[in-house]
Amino acid sequence: MVTGTVRVVNRTGIHLRLASEIVKAASQFRSKVMLAKGELSVDAKSMLGVAMLGAEFDTELRLSIEGEDEGDAFETLTGLFESNFGREVI
């Protein structure tokens, strides 16, 4: 299992378009991918789950990945957050 934290750097938080990018990225991998905010932990391959997090700007999320391709999945998902989903950080 690989765990770490990611920070929401998008000023509008994780809205539906970004949630769909998270789900799309997580779904590329066979590993179980979980995102958590506080006590709420959701499947990162579920659009509804990711949206339920209500992750606003500067929120820190816990990322936990378990499975055969966990390293690649962790690198991809942390990179997605760090790059602000390919958008300019303002």
PDB file of N, CA and C in Angstrom:
ATOM      1  N   MET A   1       0.844  -1.183   0.000  1.00  0.00           N
ATOM      2  CA  MET A   1       0.000   0.000   0.000  1.00  0.00           C
ATOM      3  C   MET A   1       0.883   1.238   0.000  1.00  0.00           C
ATOM      4  N   VAL A   2       0.493   2.203  -0.808  1.00  0.00           N
ATOM      5  CA  VAL A   2       1.176   3.481  -0.884  1.00  0.00           C
ATOM      6  C   VAL A   2       0.203   4.551  -0.402  1.00  0.00           C
ATOM      7  N   THR A   3       0.668   5.414   0.500  1.00  0.00           N
ATOM      8  CA  THR A   3      -0.186   6.497   0.998  1.00  0.00           C
ATOM      9  C   THR A   3       0.576   7.813   0.960  1.00  0.00           C
ATOM     10  N   GLY A   4      -0.167   8.881   0.900  1.00  0.00           N
ATOM     11  CA  GLY A   4       0.422  10.209   0.911  1.00  0.00           C
ATOM     12  C   GLY A   4      -0.685  11.247   0.939  1.00  0.00           C
ATOM     13  N   THR A   5      -0.289  12.493   0.833  1.00  0.00           N
ATOM     14  CA  THR A   5      -1.280  13.566   0.822  1.00  0.00           C
ATOM     15  C   THR A   5      -1.156  14.362  -0.462  1.00  0.00           C
ATOM     16  N   VAL A   6      -2.280  14.905  -0.880  1.00  0.00           N
ATOM     17  CA  VAL A   6      -2.326  15.817  -2.019  1.00  0.00           C
ATOM     18  C   VAL A   6      -3.083  17.057  -1.559  1.00  0.00           C
ATOM     19  N   ARG A   7      -2.739  18.202  -2.127  1.00  0.00           N
ATOM     20  CA  ARG A   7      -3.385  19.454  -1.759  1.00  0.00           C
ATOM     21  C   ARG A   7      -4.129  19.997  -2.973  1.00  0.00           C
ATOM     22  N   VAL A   8      -5.328  20.490  -2.739  1.00  0.00           N
ATOM     23  CA  VAL A   8      -6.135  21.093  -3.801  1.00  0.00           C
ATOM     24  C   VAL A   8      -5.625  22.517  -4.022  1.00  0.00           C
ATOM     25  N   VAL A   9      -4.984  22.755  -5.160  1.00  0.00           N
ATOM     26  CA  VAL A   9      -4.443  24.080  -5.452  1.00  0.00           C
ATOM     27  C   VAL A   9      -5.317  24.865  -6.419  1.00  0.00           C
ATOM     28  N   ASN A  10      -6.381  24.239  -6.900  1.00  0.00           N
ATOM     29  CA  ASN A  10      -7.317  24.932  -7.784  1.00  0.00           C
ATOM     30  C   ASN A  10      -8.195  25.849  -6.940  1.00  0.00           C
ATOM     31  N   ARG A  11      -8.265  27.108  -7.294  1.00  0.00           N
ATOM     32  CA  ARG A  11      -9.018  28.105  -6.502  1.00  0.00           C
ATOM     33  C   ARG A  11     -10.499  27.760  -6.364  1.00  0.00           C
ATOM     34  N   THR A  12     -11.049  27.029  -7.320  1.00  0.00           N
ATOM     35  CA  THR A  12     -12.468  26.669  -7.248  1.00  0.00           C
ATOM     36  C   THR A  12     -12.695  25.308  -6.608  1.00  0.00           C
ATOM     37  N   GLY A  13     -11.619  24.690  -6.119  1.00  0.00           N
ATOM     38  CA  GLY A  13     -11.746  23.383  -5.481  1.00  0.00           C
ATOM     39  C   GLY A  13     -11.957  22.284  -6.504  1.00  0.00           C
ATOM     40  N   ILE A  14     -12.376  21.129  -6.011  1.00  0.00           N
ATOM     41  CA  ILE A  14     -12.629  19.991  -6.893  1.00  0.00           C
ATOM     42  C   ILE A  14     -14.088  20.044  -7.348  1.00  0.00           C
ATOM     43  N   HIS A  15     -14.307  20.701  -8.483  1.00  0.00           N
ATOM     44  CA  HIS A  15     -15.646  20.752  -9.068  1.00  0.00           C
ATOM     45  C   HIS A  15     -15.836  19.521  -9.954  1.00  0.00           C
ATOM     46  N   LEU A  16     -16.969  19.405 -10.582  1.00  0.00           N
ATOM     47  CA  LEU A  16     -17.293  18.181 -11.317  1.00  0.00           C
ATOM     48  C   LEU A  16     -16.320  17.869 -12.451  1.00  0.00           C
ATOM     49  N   ARG A  17     -15.834  18.866 -13.149  1.00  0.00           N
ATOM     50  CA  ARG A  17     -14.900  18.603 -14.243  1.00  0.00           C
ATOM     51  C   ARG A  17     -13.601  18.003 -13.700  1.00  0.00           C
ATOM     52  N   LEU A  18     -13.102  18.552 -12.602  1.00  0.00           N
ATOM     53  CA  LEU A  18     -11.870  18.003 -12.024  1.00  0.00           C
ATOM     54  C   LEU A  18     -12.122  16.641 -11.396  1.00  0.00           C
ATOM     55  N   ALA A  19     -13.286  16.469 -10.802  1.00  0.00           N
ATOM     56  CA  ALA A  19     -13.626  15.158 -10.235  1.00  0.00           C
ATOM     57  C   ALA A  19     -13.611  14.101 -11.334  1.00  0.00           C
ATOM     58  N   SER A  20     -14.124  14.459 -12.509  1.00  0.00           N
ATOM     59  CA  SER A  20     -14.127  13.483 -13.611  1.00  0.00           C
ATOM     60  C   SER A  20     -12.705  13.169 -14.063  1.00  0.00           C
ATOM     61  N   GLU A  21     -11.788  14.129 -13.985  1.00  0.00           N
ATOM     62  CA  GLU A  21     -10.394  13.864 -14.341  1.00  0.00           C
ATOM     63  C   GLU A  21      -9.734  12.930 -13.330  1.00  0.00           C
ATOM     64  N   ILE A  22     -10.070  13.087 -12.057  1.00  0.00           N
ATOM     65  CA  ILE A  22      -9.555  12.189 -11.020  1.00  0.00           C
ATOM     66  C   ILE A  22     -10.050  10.775 -11.273  1.00  0.00           C
ATOM     67  N   VAL A  23     -11.348  10.637 -11.526  1.00  0.00           N
ATOM     68  CA  VAL A  23     -11.946   9.326 -11.772  1.00  0.00           C
ATOM     69  C   VAL A  23     -11.324   8.680 -13.013  1.00  0.00           C
ATOM     70  N   LYS A  24     -11.155   9.459 -14.060  1.00  0.00           N
ATOM     71  CA  LYS A  24     -10.561   8.935 -15.295  1.00  0.00           C
ATOM     72  C   LYS A  24      -9.134   8.447 -15.042  1.00  0.00           C
ATOM     73  N   ALA A  25      -8.354   9.237 -14.313  1.00  0.00           N
ATOM     74  CA  ALA A  25      -6.969   8.849 -14.022  1.00  0.00           C
ATOM     75  C   ALA A  25      -6.929   7.607 -13.139  1.00  0.00           C
ATOM     76  N   ALA A  26      -7.732   7.582 -12.088  1.00  0.00           N
ATOM     77  CA  ALA A  26      -7.735   6.447 -11.157  1.00  0.00           C
ATOM     78  C   ALA A  26      -8.206   5.165 -11.851  1.00  0.00           C
ATOM     79  N   SER A  27      -9.132   5.306 -12.764  1.00  0.00           N
ATOM     80  CA  SER A  27      -9.716   4.141 -13.433  1.00  0.00           C
ATOM     81  C   SER A  27      -8.766   3.462 -14.411  1.00  0.00           C
ATOM     82  N   GLN A  28      -7.657   4.110 -14.722  1.00  0.00           N
ATOM     83  CA  GLN A  28      -6.655   3.509 -15.612  1.00  0.00           C
ATOM     84  C   GLN A  28      -5.916   2.356 -14.936  1.00  0.00           C
ATOM     85  N   PHE A  29      -6.028   2.286 -13.610  1.00  0.00           N
ATOM     86  CA  PHE A  29      -5.221   1.341 -12.841  1.00  0.00           C
ATOM     87  C   PHE A  29      -6.085   0.264 -12.206  1.00  0.00           C
ATOM     88  N   ARG A  30      -5.491  -0.892 -11.991  1.00  0.00           N
ATOM     89  CA  ARG A  30      -6.203  -2.005 -11.364  1.00  0.00           C
ATOM     90  C   ARG A  30      -6.264  -1.852  -9.847  1.00  0.00           C
ATOM     91  N   SER A  31      -5.362  -1.067  -9.294  1.00  0.00           N
ATOM     92  CA  SER A  31      -5.282  -0.895  -7.843  1.00  0.00           C
ATOM     93  C   SER A  31      -6.526  -0.216  -7.287  1.00  0.00           C
ATOM     94  N   LYS A  32      -6.764  -0.461  -6.007  1.00  0.00           N
ATOM     95  CA  LYS A  32      -7.820   0.224  -5.274  1.00  0.00           C
ATOM     96  C   LYS A  32      -7.291   1.610  -4.916  1.00  0.00           C
ATOM     97  N   VAL A  33      -8.022   2.657  -5.299  1.00  0.00           N
ATOM     98  CA  VAL A  33      -7.586   4.035  -5.082  1.00  0.00           C
ATOM     99  C   VAL A  33      -8.619   4.738  -4.210  1.00  0.00           C
ATOM    100  N   MET A  34      -8.165   5.226  -3.061  1.00  0.00           N
ATOM    101  CA  MET A  34      -9.062   5.890  -2.114  1.00  0.00           C
ATOM    102  C   MET A  34      -8.571   7.308  -1.842  1.00  0.00           C
ATOM    103  N   LEU A  35      -9.517   8.231  -1.726  1.00  0.00           N
ATOM    104  CA  LEU A  35      -9.241   9.610  -1.310  1.00  0.00           C
ATOM    105  C   LEU A  35     -10.017   9.855  -0.037  1.00  0.00           C
ATOM    106  N   ALA A  36      -9.412  10.577   0.903  1.00  0.00           N
ATOM    107  CA  ALA A  36     -10.087  10.838   2.168  1.00  0.00           C
ATOM    108  C   ALA A  36      -9.904  12.286   2.592  1.00  0.00           C
ATOM    109  N   LYS A  37     -10.965  12.815   3.176  1.00  0.00           N
ATOM    110  CA  LYS A  37     -10.955  14.150   3.770  1.00  0.00           C
ATOM    111  C   LYS A  37     -11.576  13.990   5.153  1.00  0.00           C
ATOM    112  N   GLY A  38     -10.778  14.212   6.174  1.00  0.00           N
ATOM    113  CA  GLY A  38     -11.273  13.979   7.524  1.00  0.00           C
ATOM    114  C   GLY A  38     -11.623  12.512   7.690  1.00  0.00           C
ATOM    115  N   GLU A  39     -12.811  12.237   8.173  1.00  0.00           N
ATOM    116  CA  GLU A  39     -13.260  10.862   8.395  1.00  0.00           C
ATOM    117  C   GLU A  39     -13.885  10.232   7.150  1.00  0.00           C
ATOM    118  N   LEU A  40     -14.154  11.034   6.131  1.00  0.00           N
ATOM    119  CA  LEU A  40     -14.812  10.541   4.918  1.00  0.00           C
ATOM    120  C   LEU A  40     -13.781  10.006   3.936  1.00  0.00           C
ATOM    121  N   SER A  41     -13.883   8.729   3.607  1.00  0.00           N
ATOM    122  CA  SER A  41     -12.998   8.083   2.650  1.00  0.00           C
ATOM    123  C   SER A  41     -13.848   7.559   1.497  1.00  0.00           C
ATOM    124  N   VAL A  42     -13.430   7.873   0.259  1.00  0.00           N
ATOM    125  CA  VAL A  42     -14.234   7.488  -0.908  1.00  0.00           C
ATOM    126  C   VAL A  42     -13.363   6.806  -1.954  1.00  0.00           C
ATOM    127  N   ASP A  43     -14.011   6.043  -2.801  1.00  0.00           N
ATOM    128  CA  ASP A  43     -13.370   5.392  -3.937  1.00  0.00           C
ATOM    129  C   ASP A  43     -13.095   6.460  -4.995  1.00  0.00           C
ATOM    130  N   ALA A  44     -11.829   6.652  -5.352  1.00  0.00           N
ATOM    131  CA  ALA A  44     -11.465   7.677  -6.332  1.00  0.00           C
ATOM    132  C   ALA A  44     -11.893   7.306  -7.750  1.00  0.00           C
ATOM    133  N   LYS A  45     -12.446   6.122  -7.933  1.00  0.00           N
ATOM    134  CA  LYS A  45     -12.966   5.725  -9.238  1.00  0.00           C
ATOM    135  C   LYS A  45     -14.461   6.001  -9.342  1.00  0.00           C
ATOM    136  N   SER A  46     -15.022   6.638  -8.314  1.00  0.00           N
ATOM    137  CA  SER A  46     -16.447   6.955  -8.266  1.00  0.00           C
ATOM    138  C   SER A  46     -16.650   8.461  -8.356  1.00  0.00           C
ATOM    139  N   MET A  47     -17.334   8.902  -9.389  1.00  0.00           N
ATOM    140  CA  MET A  47     -17.614  10.330  -9.569  1.00  0.00           C
ATOM    141  C   MET A  47     -18.379  10.882  -8.372  1.00  0.00           C
ATOM    142  N   LEU A  48     -19.396  10.165  -7.946  1.00  0.00           N
ATOM    143  CA  LEU A  48     -20.190  10.606  -6.807  1.00  0.00           C
ATOM    144  C   LEU A  48     -19.335  10.687  -5.547  1.00  0.00           C
ATOM    145  N   GLY A  49     -18.482   9.685  -5.347  1.00  0.00           N
ATOM    146  CA  GLY A  49     -17.621   9.672  -4.175  1.00  0.00           C
ATOM    147  C   GLY A  49     -16.683  10.867  -4.138  1.00  0.00           C
ATOM    148  N   VAL A  50     -16.003  11.135  -5.245  1.00  0.00           N
ATOM    149  CA  VAL A  50     -15.060  12.253  -5.291  1.00  0.00           C
ATOM    150  C   VAL A  50     -15.799  13.575  -5.090  1.00  0.00           C
ATOM    151  N   ALA A  51     -16.960  13.719  -5.708  1.00  0.00           N
ATOM    152  CA  ALA A  51     -17.746  14.947  -5.544  1.00  0.00           C
ATOM    153  C   ALA A  51     -18.203  15.125  -4.095  1.00  0.00           C
ATOM    154  N   MET A  52     -18.509  14.019  -3.419  1.00  0.00           N
ATOM    155  CA  MET A  52     -18.967  14.084  -2.024  1.00  0.00           C
ATOM    156  C   MET A  52     -17.909  14.637  -1.076  1.00  0.00           C
ATOM    157  N   LEU A  53     -16.663  14.579  -1.457  1.00  0.00           N
ATOM    158  CA  LEU A  53     -15.604  15.100  -0.585  1.00  0.00           C
ATOM    159  C   LEU A  53     -15.746  16.599  -0.344  1.00  0.00           C
ATOM    160  N   GLY A  54     -16.315  17.310  -1.300  1.00  0.00           N
ATOM    161  CA  GLY A  54     -16.459  18.754  -1.146  1.00  0.00           C
ATOM    162  C   GLY A  54     -15.120  19.428  -0.903  1.00  0.00           C
ATOM    163  N   ALA A  55     -14.107  19.009  -1.638  1.00  0.00           N
ATOM    164  CA  ALA A  55     -12.747  19.503  -1.424  1.00  0.00           C
ATOM    165  C   ALA A  55     -12.590  20.901  -2.007  1.00  0.00           C
ATOM    166  N   GLU A  56     -12.419  21.875  -1.139  1.00  0.00           N
ATOM    167  CA  GLU A  56     -12.250  23.259  -1.550  1.00  0.00           C
ATOM    168  C   GLU A  56     -10.772  23.591  -1.689  1.00  0.00           C
ATOM    169  N   PHE A  57     -10.497  24.794  -2.148  1.00  0.00           N
ATOM    170  CA  PHE A  57      -9.127  25.270  -2.306  1.00  0.00           C
ATOM    171  C   PHE A  57      -8.339  25.071  -1.018  1.00  0.00           C
ATOM    172  N   ASP A  58      -7.122  24.595  -1.150  1.00  0.00           N
ATOM    173  CA  ASP A  58      -6.153  24.396  -0.075  1.00  0.00           C
ATOM    174  C   ASP A  58      -6.515  23.250   0.879  1.00  0.00           C
ATOM    175  N   THR A  59      -7.465  22.421   0.483  1.00  0.00           N
ATOM    176  CA  THR A  59      -7.806  21.243   1.277  1.00  0.00           C
ATOM    177  C   THR A  59      -6.739  20.175   1.067  1.00  0.00           C
ATOM    178  N   GLU A  60      -6.359  19.524   2.144  1.00  0.00           N
ATOM    179  CA  GLU A  60      -5.412  18.421   2.057  1.00  0.00           C
ATOM    180  C   GLU A  60      -6.202  17.116   2.090  1.00  0.00           C
ATOM    181  N   LEU A  61      -5.944  16.257   1.109  1.00  0.00           N
ATOM    182  CA  LEU A  61      -6.615  14.962   1.007  1.00  0.00           C
ATOM    183  C   LEU A  61      -5.593  13.854   1.197  1.00  0.00           C
ATOM    184  N   ARG A  62      -6.024  12.762   1.826  1.00  0.00           N
ATOM    185  CA  ARG A  62      -5.175  11.578   1.952  1.00  0.00           C
ATOM    186  C   ARG A  62      -5.437  10.673   0.756  1.00  0.00           C
ATOM    187  N   LEU A  63      -4.374  10.221   0.142  1.00  0.00           N
ATOM    188  CA  LEU A  63      -4.454   9.327  -1.005  1.00  0.00           C
ATOM    189  C   LEU A  63      -3.870   7.985  -0.597  1.00  0.00           C
ATOM    190  N   SER A  64      -4.664   6.926  -0.742  1.00  0.00           N
ATOM    191  CA  SER A  64      -4.214   5.573  -0.408  1.00  0.00           C
ATOM    192  C   SER A  64      -4.465   4.682  -1.610  1.00  0.00           C
ATOM    193  N   ILE A  65      -3.425   3.958  -2.011  1.00  0.00           N
ATOM    194  CA  ILE A  65      -3.535   3.101  -3.186  1.00  0.00           C
ATOM    195  C   ILE A  65      -2.944   1.743  -2.851  1.00  0.00           C
ATOM    196  N   GLU A  66      -3.699   0.697  -3.187  1.00  0.00           N
ATOM    197  CA  GLU A  66      -3.245  -0.656  -2.910  1.00  0.00           C
ATOM    198  C   GLU A  66      -3.499  -1.538  -4.117  1.00  0.00           C
ATOM    199  N   GLY A  67      -2.445  -2.216  -4.577  1.00  0.00           N
ATOM    200  CA  GLY A  67      -2.603  -3.139  -5.693  1.00  0.00           C
ATOM    201  C   GLY A  67      -1.329  -3.273  -6.501  1.00  0.00           C
ATOM    202  N   GLU A  68      -1.432  -4.033  -7.555  1.00  0.00           N
ATOM    203  CA  GLU A  68      -0.262  -4.391  -8.350  1.00  0.00           C
ATOM    204  C   GLU A  68       0.395  -3.217  -9.059  1.00  0.00           C
ATOM    205  N   ASP A  69      -0.358  -2.160  -9.375  1.00  0.00           N
ATOM    206  CA  ASP A  69       0.217  -1.006 -10.064  1.00  0.00           C
ATOM    207  C   ASP A  69       0.135   0.256  -9.210  1.00  0.00           C
ATOM    208  N   GLU A  70       0.209   0.069  -7.890  1.00  0.00           N
ATOM    209  CA  GLU A  70       0.037   1.179  -6.953  1.00  0.00           C
ATOM    210  C   GLU A  70       1.067   2.293  -7.133  1.00  0.00           C
ATOM    211  N   GLY A  71       2.296   1.951  -7.441  1.00  0.00           N
ATOM    212  CA  GLY A  71       3.332   2.970  -7.623  1.00  0.00           C
ATOM    213  C   GLY A  71       3.029   3.894  -8.789  1.00  0.00           C
ATOM    214  N   ASP A  72       2.662   3.297  -9.911  1.00  0.00           N
ATOM    215  CA  ASP A  72       2.319   4.094 -11.095  1.00  0.00           C
ATOM    216  C   ASP A  72       1.067   4.935 -10.838  1.00  0.00           C
ATOM    217  N   ALA A  73       0.087   4.343 -10.168  1.00  0.00           N
ATOM    218  CA  ALA A  73      -1.149   5.066  -9.866  1.00  0.00           C
ATOM    219  C   ALA A  73      -0.862   6.250  -8.951  1.00  0.00           C
ATOM    220  N   PHE A  74      -0.034   6.031  -7.941  1.00  0.00           N
ATOM    221  CA  PHE A  74       0.296   7.107  -7.003  1.00  0.00           C
ATOM    222  C   PHE A  74       1.006   8.253  -7.724  1.00  0.00           C
ATOM    223  N   GLU A  75       1.955   7.904  -8.567  1.00  0.00           N
ATOM    224  CA  GLU A  75       2.690   8.918  -9.321  1.00  0.00           C
ATOM    225  C   GLU A  75       1.757   9.715 -10.226  1.00  0.00           C
ATOM    226  N   THR A  76       0.852   9.032 -10.905  1.00  0.00           N
ATOM    227  CA  THR A  76      -0.079   9.701 -11.817  1.00  0.00           C
ATOM    228  C   THR A  76      -1.011  10.638 -11.062  1.00  0.00           C
ATOM    229  N   LEU A  77      -1.593  10.156  -9.981  1.00  0.00           N
ATOM    230  CA  LEU A  77      -2.567  10.979  -9.255  1.00  0.00           C
ATOM    231  C   LEU A  77      -1.920  12.143  -8.513  1.00  0.00           C
ATOM    232  N   THR A  78      -0.786  11.917  -7.887  1.00  0.00           N
ATOM    233  CA  THR A  78      -0.124  13.047  -7.223  1.00  0.00           C
ATOM    234  C   THR A  78       0.325  14.077  -8.260  1.00  0.00           C
ATOM    235  N   GLY A  79       0.791  13.609  -9.409  1.00  0.00           N
ATOM    236  CA  GLY A  79       1.175  14.526 -10.484  1.00  0.00           C
ATOM    237  C   GLY A  79       0.010  15.357 -10.982  1.00  0.00           C
ATOM    238  N   LEU A  80      -1.171  14.752 -11.029  1.00  0.00           N
ATOM    239  CA  LEU A  80      -2.376  15.454 -11.462  1.00  0.00           C
ATOM    240  C   LEU A  80      -2.681  16.618 -10.517  1.00  0.00           C
ATOM    241  N   PHE A  81      -2.620  16.347  -9.219  1.00  0.00           N
ATOM    242  CA  PHE A  81      -2.869  17.408  -8.238  1.00  0.00           C
ATOM    243  C   PHE A  81      -1.771  18.465  -8.273  1.00  0.00           C
ATOM    244  N   GLU A  82      -0.513  18.031  -8.317  1.00  0.00           N
ATOM    245  CA  GLU A  82       0.611  18.975  -8.301  1.00  0.00           C
ATOM    246  C   GLU A  82       0.612  19.905  -9.513  1.00  0.00           C
ATOM    247  N   SER A  83       0.134  19.406 -10.640  1.00  0.00           N
ATOM    248  CA  SER A  83       0.091  20.221 -11.856  1.00  0.00           C
ATOM    249  C   SER A  83      -1.215  21.015 -11.957  1.00  0.00           C
ATOM    250  N   ASN A  84      -2.044  20.962 -10.911  1.00  0.00           N
ATOM    251  CA  ASN A  84      -3.354  21.617 -10.925  1.00  0.00           C
ATOM    252  C   ASN A  84      -4.166  21.158 -12.133  1.00  0.00           C
ATOM    253  N   PHE A  85      -4.074  19.865 -12.424  1.00  0.00           N
ATOM    254  CA  PHE A  85      -4.837  19.247 -13.500  1.00  0.00           C
ATOM    255  C   PHE A  85      -4.502  19.866 -14.856  1.00  0.00           C
ATOM    256  N   GLY A  86      -3.234  20.305 -14.977  1.00  0.00           N
ATOM    257  CA  GLY A  86      -2.788  20.899 -16.233  1.00  0.00           C
ATOM    258  C   GLY A  86      -3.253  22.325 -16.433  1.00  0.00           C
ATOM    259  N   ARG A  87      -3.786  22.938 -15.386  1.00  0.00           N
ATOM    260  CA  ARG A  87      -4.277  24.310 -15.481  1.00  0.00           C
ATOM    261  C   ARG A  87      -3.329  25.244 -14.749  1.00  0.00           C
ATOM    262  N   GLU A  88      -3.334  26.498 -15.173  1.00  0.00           N
ATOM    263  CA  GLU A  88      -2.484  27.502 -14.528  1.00  0.00           C
ATOM    264  C   GLU A  88      -2.997  27.796 -13.129  1.00  0.00           C
ATOM    265  N   VAL A  89      -2.090  27.872 -12.175  1.00  0.00           N
ATOM    266  CA  VAL A  89      -2.454  28.228 -10.805  1.00  0.00           C
ATOM    267  C   VAL A  89      -2.432  29.746 -10.706  1.00  0.00           C
ATOM    268  N   ILE A  90      -3.586  30.317 -10.312  1.00  0.00           N
ATOM    269  CA  ILE A  90      -3.661  31.776 -10.151  1.00  0.00           C
ATOM    270  C   ILE A  90      -4.102  32.141  -8.754  1.00  0.00           C
TER     271      ILE A  90
END
